[in-house]
């Protein structure tokens, strides 16, 4: 019998975003926008539980301990939407 432990991981269905797009809607001004609802797999938490063997859990811990804490997570950075210079400018802030 293999011993397993339960861990909390990022939801695969929504990729950890917690909400998924369900369609388009229109605001009172007629402007279109995307409607979202909580992910049905993780109930809007962005996380899911997963059972892993103790051996796999040990490998996960070893990998986490061997990483440099100052290294950037480039996959996470690639998913983020960039901010334009205008959106971050004093003019956009009304200053």
Protein backbone atom coordinates (compact mmCIF):
# COMPACT_ATOMS: atom_id res chain seq x y z
CA UNK A 1 0.00 0.00 0.00
CA UNK A 2 1.40 3.38 -1.04
CA UNK A 3 1.11 6.26 1.37
CA UNK A 4 -0.14 9.48 -0.20
CA UNK A 5 -0.54 13.04 1.01
CA UNK A 6 -3.01 15.65 -0.13
CA UNK A 7 -1.58 18.92 -1.45
CA UNK A 8 -3.14 22.14 -2.69
CA UNK A 9 -2.23 23.04 -6.27
CA UNK A 10 -3.26 25.58 -8.87
CA UNK A 11 -6.55 24.64 -10.56
CA UNK A 12 -5.90 23.20 -14.02
CA UNK A 13 -9.34 24.12 -15.39
CA UNK A 14 -9.00 27.88 -14.84
CA UNK A 15 -5.18 27.98 -14.56
CA UNK A 16 -5.49 29.45 -11.06
CA UNK A 17 -7.51 32.47 -12.21
CA UNK A 18 -10.61 31.40 -10.19
CA UNK A 19 -13.07 32.86 -12.74
CA UNK A 20 -13.77 31.81 -16.33
CA UNK A 21 -15.39 33.80 -19.16
CA UNK A 22 -19.00 32.82 -19.90
CA UNK A 23 -19.96 35.25 -22.63
CA UNK A 24 -20.42 38.84 -23.67
CA UNK A 25 -22.75 41.42 -22.18
CA UNK A 26 -23.48 45.09 -22.77
CA UNK A 27 -23.28 47.86 -20.20
CA UNK A 28 -25.96 50.54 -19.86
CA UNK A 29 -23.97 52.64 -22.36
CA UNK A 30 -23.93 49.80 -24.88
CA UNK A 31 -20.26 49.03 -24.37
CA UNK A 32 -19.48 45.29 -24.70
CA UNK A 33 -17.61 43.48 -21.93
CA UNK A 34 -16.80 39.89 -20.99
CA UNK A 35 -18.87 38.25 -18.24
CA UNK A 36 -17.17 35.85 -15.83
CA UNK A 37 -18.35 33.24 -13.36
CA UNK A 38 -16.53 31.19 -10.71
CA UNK A 39 -14.74 28.11 -12.06
CA UNK A 40 -16.87 25.01 -11.60
CA UNK A 41 -13.84 22.83 -10.78
CA UNK A 42 -12.45 24.92 -7.89
CA UNK A 43 -15.60 26.88 -6.95
CA UNK A 44 -13.81 30.18 -7.56
CA UNK A 45 -10.80 29.58 -5.32
CA UNK A 46 -8.19 29.03 -8.05
CA UNK A 47 -6.90 26.00 -6.13
CA UNK A 48 -7.58 22.28 -6.18
CA UNK A 49 -6.50 19.36 -4.04
CA UNK A 50 -4.33 16.59 -5.40
CA UNK A 51 -3.11 13.31 -3.91
CA UNK A 52 0.60 12.56 -4.43
CA UNK A 53 2.85 9.77 -3.18
CA UNK A 54 5.39 10.51 -0.45
CA UNK A 55 8.19 9.99 -2.98
CA UNK A 56 6.70 12.57 -5.35
CA UNK A 57 6.08 14.95 -2.43
CA UNK A 58 9.71 14.60 -1.36
CA UNK A 59 10.87 15.42 -4.90
CA UNK A 60 8.62 18.49 -4.91
CA UNK A 61 10.13 19.66 -1.61
CA UNK A 62 13.65 19.05 -2.89
CA UNK A 63 12.95 21.06 -6.06
CA UNK A 64 11.48 23.92 -4.03
CA UNK A 65 14.48 24.00 -1.70
CA UNK A 66 17.01 23.98 -4.56
CA UNK A 67 15.49 27.02 -6.31
CA UNK A 68 16.99 30.44 -5.75
CA UNK A 69 14.29 32.54 -4.02
CA UNK A 70 15.45 35.62 -5.94
CA UNK A 71 14.90 34.04 -9.38
CA UNK A 72 11.91 35.45 -11.23
CA UNK A 73 9.10 33.12 -12.26
CA UNK A 74 9.24 33.88 -15.98
CA UNK A 75 6.16 31.81 -16.85
CA UNK A 76 4.10 33.80 -14.34
CA UNK A 77 5.52 37.08 -15.65
CA UNK A 78 4.71 36.09 -19.24
CA UNK A 79 1.02 35.62 -18.34
CA UNK A 80 0.63 39.08 -16.84
CA UNK A 81 -0.74 41.84 -19.00
CA UNK A 82 1.78 44.56 -19.68
CA UNK A 83 1.06 48.13 -18.64
CA UNK A 84 1.50 50.77 -21.30
CA UNK A 85 3.43 53.91 -20.53
CA UNK A 86 0.23 55.92 -20.98
CA UNK A 87 -1.72 53.85 -18.45
CA UNK A 88 1.09 54.43 -15.95
CA UNK A 89 1.57 58.13 -16.78
CA UNK A 90 0.69 61.26 -14.82
CA UNK A 91 -1.61 62.30 -17.68
CA UNK A 92 -3.70 59.15 -17.31
CA UNK A 93 -3.91 59.78 -13.56
CA UNK A 94 -5.20 63.29 -14.21
CA UNK A 95 -2.24 64.94 -12.48
